[in-house]
Structure formats: structure tokens, C-alpha cells
Amino acid sequence: MQTESLHDRLQGLFDQIKDFPEAGRCEHGTHLKPAAFATFLDMRQLIEKEVLPLLHRIEGQR
């Protein structure tokens, strides 16, 4: 069971990726270190499994 709120978990992940010094563009495309990629995947999973279903429920109540 998660002790942090959904907001706190999503904000924590966002804070990790918003200013990644280990990610950027280069002449060959993009450069992304493993930690940045792992955080992106964690954030994507949280959005897919918790945020989007919650938004659908809220919209369904209108």
C-alpha cells in the first residue's frame, strides 16, 4: 500500500525529470542516461495505471 498520495508520487517523479542534466539533444537525436529513462518509465506507468483511470472516473461522474 502506498503511503504517499497520488499527487505526491507524480510530483516527485516530475521533479526528477523536469531538469535532467543527463538528458538532452545532440546531433544524432537525443541522449538519455539510464536513470532519466527509468524515471520516465515509472512516471508513464503511474499515469497509465492510476492517473488516467482516476480522470476517467471523475469525468464519468459529471
PDB file of N, CA and C in Angstrom:
ATOM      1  N   MET A   1       0.842  -1.195   0.000  1.00  0.00           N
ATOM      2  CA  MET A   1       0.000   0.000   0.000  1.00  0.00           C
ATOM      3  C   MET A   1       0.881   1.251   0.000  1.00  0.00           C
ATOM      4  N   GLN A   2       0.571   2.171  -0.876  1.00  0.00           N
ATOM      5  CA  GLN A   2       1.334   3.411  -0.976  1.00  0.00           C
ATOM      6  C   GLN A   2       0.952   4.344   0.168  1.00  0.00           C
ATOM      7  N   THR A   3       1.955   4.928   0.809  1.00  0.00           N
ATOM      8  CA  THR A   3       1.677   5.871   1.889  1.00  0.00           C
ATOM      9  C   THR A   3       1.612   7.305   1.380  1.00  0.00           C
ATOM     10  N   GLU A   4       2.235   7.572   0.240  1.00  0.00           N
ATOM     11  CA  GLU A   4       2.195   8.911  -0.335  1.00  0.00           C
ATOM     12  C   GLU A   4       0.965   9.049  -1.223  1.00  0.00           C
ATOM     13  N   SER A   5       0.460  10.262  -1.313  1.00  0.00           N
ATOM     14  CA  SER A   5      -0.689  10.496  -2.180  1.00  0.00           C
ATOM     15  C   SER A   5      -0.271  10.373  -3.643  1.00  0.00           C
ATOM     16  N   LEU A   6      -1.252  10.172  -4.496  1.00  0.00           N
ATOM     17  CA  LEU A   6      -1.001  10.109  -5.936  1.00  0.00           C
ATOM     18  C   LEU A   6      -0.316  11.395  -6.400  1.00  0.00           C
ATOM     19  N   HIS A   7      -0.791  12.520  -5.914  1.00  0.00           N
ATOM     20  CA  HIS A   7      -0.195  13.806  -6.271  1.00  0.00           C
ATOM     21  C   HIS A   7       1.279  13.857  -5.879  1.00  0.00           C
ATOM     22  N   ASP A   8       1.593  13.449  -4.657  1.00  0.00           N
ATOM     23  CA  ASP A   8       2.980  13.491  -4.193  1.00  0.00           C
ATOM     24  C   ASP A   8       3.884  12.571  -5.005  1.00  0.00           C
ATOM     25  N   ARG A   9       3.387  11.384  -5.358  1.00  0.00           N
ATOM     26  CA  ARG A   9       4.192  10.451  -6.147  1.00  0.00           C
ATOM     27  C   ARG A   9       4.442  10.997  -7.547  1.00  0.00           C
ATOM     28  N   LEU A  10       3.393  11.534  -8.181  1.00  0.00           N
ATOM     29  CA  LEU A  10       3.550  12.089  -9.526  1.00  0.00           C
ATOM     30  C   LEU A  10       4.444  13.323  -9.502  1.00  0.00           C
ATOM     31  N   GLN A  11       4.262  14.179  -8.511  1.00  0.00           N
ATOM     32  CA  GLN A  11       5.101  15.377  -8.398  1.00  0.00           C
ATOM     33  C   GLN A  11       6.559  14.994  -8.176  1.00  0.00           C
ATOM     34  N   GLY A  12       6.807  13.971  -7.375  1.00  0.00           N
ATOM     35  CA  GLY A  12       8.174  13.522  -7.133  1.00  0.00           C
ATOM     36  C   GLY A  12       8.850  13.040  -8.402  1.00  0.00           C
ATOM     37  N   LEU A  13       8.123  12.272  -9.207  1.00  0.00           N
ATOM     38  CA  LEU A  13       8.680  11.805 -10.477  1.00  0.00           C
ATOM     39  C   LEU A  13       8.903  12.969 -11.434  1.00  0.00           C
ATOM     40  N   PHE A  14       7.935  13.879 -11.492  1.00  0.00           N
ATOM     41  CA  PHE A  14       8.076  15.041 -12.367  1.00  0.00           C
ATOM     42  C   PHE A  14       9.282  15.882 -11.961  1.00  0.00           C
ATOM     43  N   ASP A  15       9.457  16.070 -10.660  1.00  0.00           N
ATOM     44  CA  ASP A  15      10.600  16.848 -10.178  1.00  0.00           C
ATOM     45  C   ASP A  15      11.923  16.213 -10.598  1.00  0.00           C
ATOM     46  N   GLN A  16      11.944  14.883 -10.673  1.00  0.00           N
ATOM     47  CA  GLN A  16      13.171  14.197 -11.077  1.00  0.00           C
ATOM     48  C   GLN A  16      13.484  14.418 -12.551  1.00  0.00           C
ATOM     49  N   ILE A  17      12.466  14.529 -13.392  1.00  0.00           N
ATOM     50  CA  ILE A  17      12.741  14.623 -14.831  1.00  0.00           C
ATOM     51  C   ILE A  17      12.661  16.029 -15.412  1.00  0.00           C
ATOM     52  N   LYS A  18      12.138  16.996 -14.675  1.00  0.00           N
ATOM     53  CA  LYS A  18      11.935  18.309 -15.289  1.00  0.00           C
ATOM     54  C   LYS A  18      13.235  19.028 -15.628  1.00  0.00           C
ATOM     55  N   ASP A  19      14.283  18.780 -14.903  1.00  0.00           N
ATOM     56  CA  ASP A  19      15.554  19.458 -15.168  1.00  0.00           C
ATOM     57  C   ASP A  19      16.698  18.462 -15.293  1.00  0.00           C
ATOM     58  N   PHE A  20      16.487  17.391 -16.048  1.00  0.00           N
ATOM     59  CA  PHE A  20      17.510  16.359 -16.166  1.00  0.00           C
ATOM     60  C   PHE A  20      18.771  16.895 -16.820  1.00  0.00           C
ATOM     61  N   PRO A  21      19.875  16.922 -16.111  1.00  0.00           N
ATOM     62  CA  PRO A  21      21.130  17.261 -16.767  1.00  0.00           C
ATOM     63  C   PRO A  21      21.645  16.090 -17.600  1.00  0.00           C
ATOM     64  N   GLU A  22      21.092  14.899 -17.338  1.00  0.00           N
ATOM     65  CA  GLU A  22      21.564  13.721 -18.046  1.00  0.00           C
ATOM     66  C   GLU A  22      20.730  13.395 -19.275  1.00  0.00           C
ATOM     67  N   ALA A  23      19.929  14.340 -19.699  1.00  0.00           N
ATOM     68  CA  ALA A  23      19.137  14.145 -20.911  1.00  0.00           C
ATOM     69  C   ALA A  23      19.243  15.401 -21.768  1.00  0.00           C
ATOM     70  N   GLY A  24      19.254  15.198 -23.044  1.00  0.00           N
ATOM     71  CA  GLY A  24      19.320  16.351 -23.928  1.00  0.00           C
ATOM     72  C   GLY A  24      19.376  15.934 -25.382  1.00  0.00           C
ATOM     73  N   ARG A  25      19.435  16.919 -26.229  1.00  0.00           N
ATOM     74  CA  ARG A  25      19.503  16.669 -27.666  1.00  0.00           C
ATOM     75  C   ARG A  25      20.955  16.764 -28.123  1.00  0.00           C
ATOM     76  N   CYS A  26      21.252  15.980 -29.140  1.00  0.00           N
ATOM     77  CA  CYS A  26      22.576  16.038 -29.752  1.00  0.00           C
ATOM     78  C   CYS A  26      22.396  15.882 -31.257  1.00  0.00           C
ATOM     79  N   GLU A  27      23.482  15.890 -31.989  1.00  0.00           N
ATOM     80  CA  GLU A  27      23.383  15.823 -33.451  1.00  0.00           C
ATOM     81  C   GLU A  27      22.804  14.506 -33.944  1.00  0.00           C
ATOM     82  N   HIS A  28      22.817  13.479 -33.119  1.00  0.00           N
ATOM     83  CA  HIS A  28      22.297  12.166 -33.512  1.00  0.00           C
ATOM     84  C   HIS A  28      20.881  11.911 -32.996  1.00  0.00           C
ATOM     85  N   GLY A  29      20.283  12.878 -32.346  1.00  0.00           N
ATOM     86  CA  GLY A  29      18.935  12.705 -31.795  1.00  0.00           C
ATOM     87  C   GLY A  29      18.906  13.148 -30.344  1.00  0.00           C
ATOM     88  N   THR A  30      18.619  12.212 -29.456  1.00  0.00           N
ATOM     89  CA  THR A  30      18.579  12.538 -28.036  1.00  0.00           C
ATOM     90  C   THR A  30      19.529  11.635 -27.266  1.00  0.00           C
ATOM     91  N   HIS A  31      19.960  12.141 -26.137  1.00  0.00           N
ATOM     92  CA  HIS A  31      20.840  11.397 -25.244  1.00  0.00           C
ATOM     93  C   HIS A  31      20.117  11.292 -23.907  1.00  0.00           C
ATOM     94  N   LEU A  32      19.980  10.097 -23.381  1.00  0.00           N
ATOM     95  CA  LEU A  32      19.248   9.891 -22.140  1.00  0.00           C
ATOM     96  C   LEU A  32      19.972   8.852 -21.305  1.00  0.00           C
ATOM     97  N   LYS A  33      20.417   9.254 -20.130  1.00  0.00           N
ATOM     98  CA  LYS A  33      21.093   8.316 -19.239  1.00  0.00           C
ATOM     99  C   LYS A  33      20.067   7.356 -18.644  1.00  0.00           C
ATOM    100  N   PRO A  34      20.510   6.193 -18.199  1.00  0.00           N
ATOM    101  CA  PRO A  34      19.584   5.182 -17.677  1.00  0.00           C
ATOM    102  C   PRO A  34      18.681   5.674 -16.548  1.00  0.00           C
ATOM    103  N   ALA A  35      19.187   6.495 -15.632  1.00  0.00           N
ATOM    104  CA  ALA A  35      18.353   6.977 -14.527  1.00  0.00           C
ATOM    105  C   ALA A  35      17.201   7.836 -15.035  1.00  0.00           C
ATOM    106  N   ALA A  36      17.464   8.655 -16.033  1.00  0.00           N
ATOM    107  CA  ALA A  36      16.419   9.500 -16.606  1.00  0.00           C
ATOM    108  C   ALA A  36      15.372   8.650 -17.309  1.00  0.00           C
ATOM    109  N   PHE A  37      15.819   7.647 -18.034  1.00  0.00           N
ATOM    110  CA  PHE A  37      14.892   6.772 -18.740  1.00  0.00           C
ATOM    111  C   PHE A  37      14.040   5.972 -17.762  1.00  0.00           C
ATOM    112  N   ALA A  38      14.642   5.471 -16.689  1.00  0.00           N
ATOM    113  CA  ALA A  38      13.898   4.706 -15.685  1.00  0.00           C
ATOM    114  C   ALA A  38      12.833   5.573 -15.017  1.00  0.00           C
ATOM    115  N   THR A  39      13.167   6.815 -14.714  1.00  0.00           N
ATOM    116  CA  THR A  39      12.190   7.719 -14.111  1.00  0.00           C
ATOM    117  C   THR A  39      11.054   8.012 -15.077  1.00  0.00           C
ATOM    118  N   PHE A  40      11.377   8.217 -16.345  1.00  0.00           N
ATOM    119  CA  PHE A  40      10.344   8.431 -17.353  1.00  0.00           C
ATOM    120  C   PHE A  40       9.398   7.234 -17.411  1.00  0.00           C
ATOM    121  N   LEU A  41       9.940   6.021 -17.392  1.00  0.00           N
ATOM    122  CA  LEU A  41       9.092   4.826 -17.442  1.00  0.00           C
ATOM    123  C   LEU A  41       8.228   4.698 -16.192  1.00  0.00           C
ATOM    124  N   ASP A  42       8.776   5.020 -15.019  1.00  0.00           N
ATOM    125  CA  ASP A  42       7.989   4.990 -13.781  1.00  0.00           C
ATOM    126  C   ASP A  42       6.845   5.990 -13.848  1.00  0.00           C
ATOM    127  N   MET A  43       7.125   7.174 -14.369  1.00  0.00           N
ATOM    128  CA  MET A  43       6.096   8.205 -14.486  1.00  0.00           C
ATOM    129  C   MET A  43       5.012   7.776 -15.472  1.00  0.00           C
ATOM    130  N   ARG A  44       5.425   7.215 -16.574  1.00  0.00           N
ATOM    131  CA  ARG A  44       4.465   6.737 -17.569  1.00  0.00           C
ATOM    132  C   ARG A  44       3.558   5.662 -16.976  1.00  0.00           C
ATOM    133  N   GLN A  45       4.136   4.736 -16.220  1.00  0.00           N
ATOM    134  CA  GLN A  45       3.357   3.664 -15.606  1.00  0.00           C
ATOM    135  C   GLN A  45       2.361   4.230 -14.592  1.00  0.00           C
ATOM    136  N   LEU A  46       2.778   5.184 -13.779  1.00  0.00           N
ATOM    137  CA  LEU A  46       1.882   5.795 -12.804  1.00  0.00           C
ATOM    138  C   LEU A  46       0.727   6.502 -13.505  1.00  0.00           C
ATOM    139  N   ILE A  47       1.021   7.216 -14.575  1.00  0.00           N
ATOM    140  CA  ILE A  47      -0.029   7.914 -15.323  1.00  0.00           C
ATOM    141  C   ILE A  47      -1.002   6.917 -15.935  1.00  0.00           C
ATOM    142  N   GLU A  48      -0.480   5.854 -16.561  1.00  0.00           N
ATOM    143  CA  GLU A  48      -1.341   4.867 -17.217  1.00  0.00           C
ATOM    144  C   GLU A  48      -2.199   4.090 -16.230  1.00  0.00           C
ATOM    145  N   LYS A  49      -1.637   3.703 -15.091  1.00  0.00           N
ATOM    146  CA  LYS A  49      -2.337   2.812 -14.164  1.00  0.00           C
ATOM    147  C   LYS A  49      -3.177   3.533 -13.125  1.00  0.00           C
ATOM    148  N   GLU A  50      -2.841   4.786 -12.806  1.00  0.00           N
ATOM    149  CA  GLU A  50      -3.571   5.465 -11.739  1.00  0.00           C
ATOM    150  C   GLU A  50      -4.181   6.802 -12.145  1.00  0.00           C
ATOM    151  N   VAL A  51      -3.409   7.648 -12.820  1.00  0.00           N
ATOM    152  CA  VAL A  51      -3.907   8.990 -13.136  1.00  0.00           C
ATOM    153  C   VAL A  51      -5.023   8.940 -14.174  1.00  0.00           C
ATOM    154  N   LEU A  52      -4.795   8.267 -15.297  1.00  0.00           N
ATOM    155  CA  LEU A  52      -5.818   8.227 -16.348  1.00  0.00           C
ATOM    156  C   LEU A  52      -7.102   7.537 -15.898  1.00  0.00           C
ATOM    157  N   PRO A  53      -7.039   6.383 -15.209  1.00  0.00           N
ATOM    158  CA  PRO A  53      -8.286   5.789 -14.723  1.00  0.00           C
ATOM    159  C   PRO A  53      -9.043   6.715 -13.761  1.00  0.00           C
ATOM    160  N   LEU A  54      -8.314   7.422 -12.913  1.00  0.00           N
ATOM    161  CA  LEU A  54      -8.961   8.352 -11.993  1.00  0.00           C
ATOM    162  C   LEU A  54      -9.635   9.490 -12.751  1.00  0.00           C
ATOM    163  N   LEU A  55      -8.972  10.017 -13.762  1.00  0.00           N
ATOM    164  CA  LEU A  55      -9.578  11.080 -14.566  1.00  0.00           C
ATOM    165  C   LEU A  55     -10.826  10.587 -15.291  1.00  0.00           C
ATOM    166  N   HIS A  56     -10.793   9.358 -15.793  1.00  0.00           N
ATOM    167  CA  HIS A  56     -11.976   8.794 -16.456  1.00  0.00           C
ATOM    168  C   HIS A  56     -13.141   8.657 -15.478  1.00  0.00           C
ATOM    169  N   ARG A  57     -12.859   8.236 -14.245  1.00  0.00           N
ATOM    170  CA  ARG A  57     -13.923   8.124 -13.235  1.00  0.00           C
ATOM    171  C   ARG A  57     -14.502   9.492 -12.907  1.00  0.00           C
ATOM    172  N   ILE A  58     -13.635  10.482 -12.756  1.00  0.00           N
ATOM    173  CA  ILE A  58     -14.099  11.834 -12.436  1.00  0.00           C
ATOM    174  C   ILE A  58     -14.962  12.381 -13.569  1.00  0.00           C
ATOM    175  N   GLU A  59     -14.517  12.192 -14.812  1.00  0.00           N
ATOM    176  CA  GLU A  59     -15.294  12.676 -15.953  1.00  0.00           C
ATOM    177  C   GLU A  59     -16.618  11.938 -16.067  1.00  0.00           C
ATOM    178  N   GLY A  60     -16.658  10.674 -15.692  1.00  0.00           N
ATOM    179  CA  GLY A  60     -17.886   9.893 -15.747  1.00  0.00           C
ATOM    180  C   GLY A  60     -18.918  10.332 -14.722  1.00  0.00           C
ATOM    181  N   GLN A  61     -18.471  11.003 -13.667  1.00  0.00           N
ATOM    182  CA  GLN A  61     -19.379  11.475 -12.622  1.00  0.00           C
ATOM    183  C   GLN A  61     -20.040  12.794 -12.984  1.00  0.00           C
ATOM    184  N   ARG A  62     -19.606  13.412 -14.056  1.00  0.00           N
ATOM    185  CA  ARG A  62     -20.169  14.714 -14.451  1.00  0.00           C
ATOM    186  C   ARG A  62     -21.482  14.541 -15.154  1.00  0.00           C
TER     187      ARG A  62
END
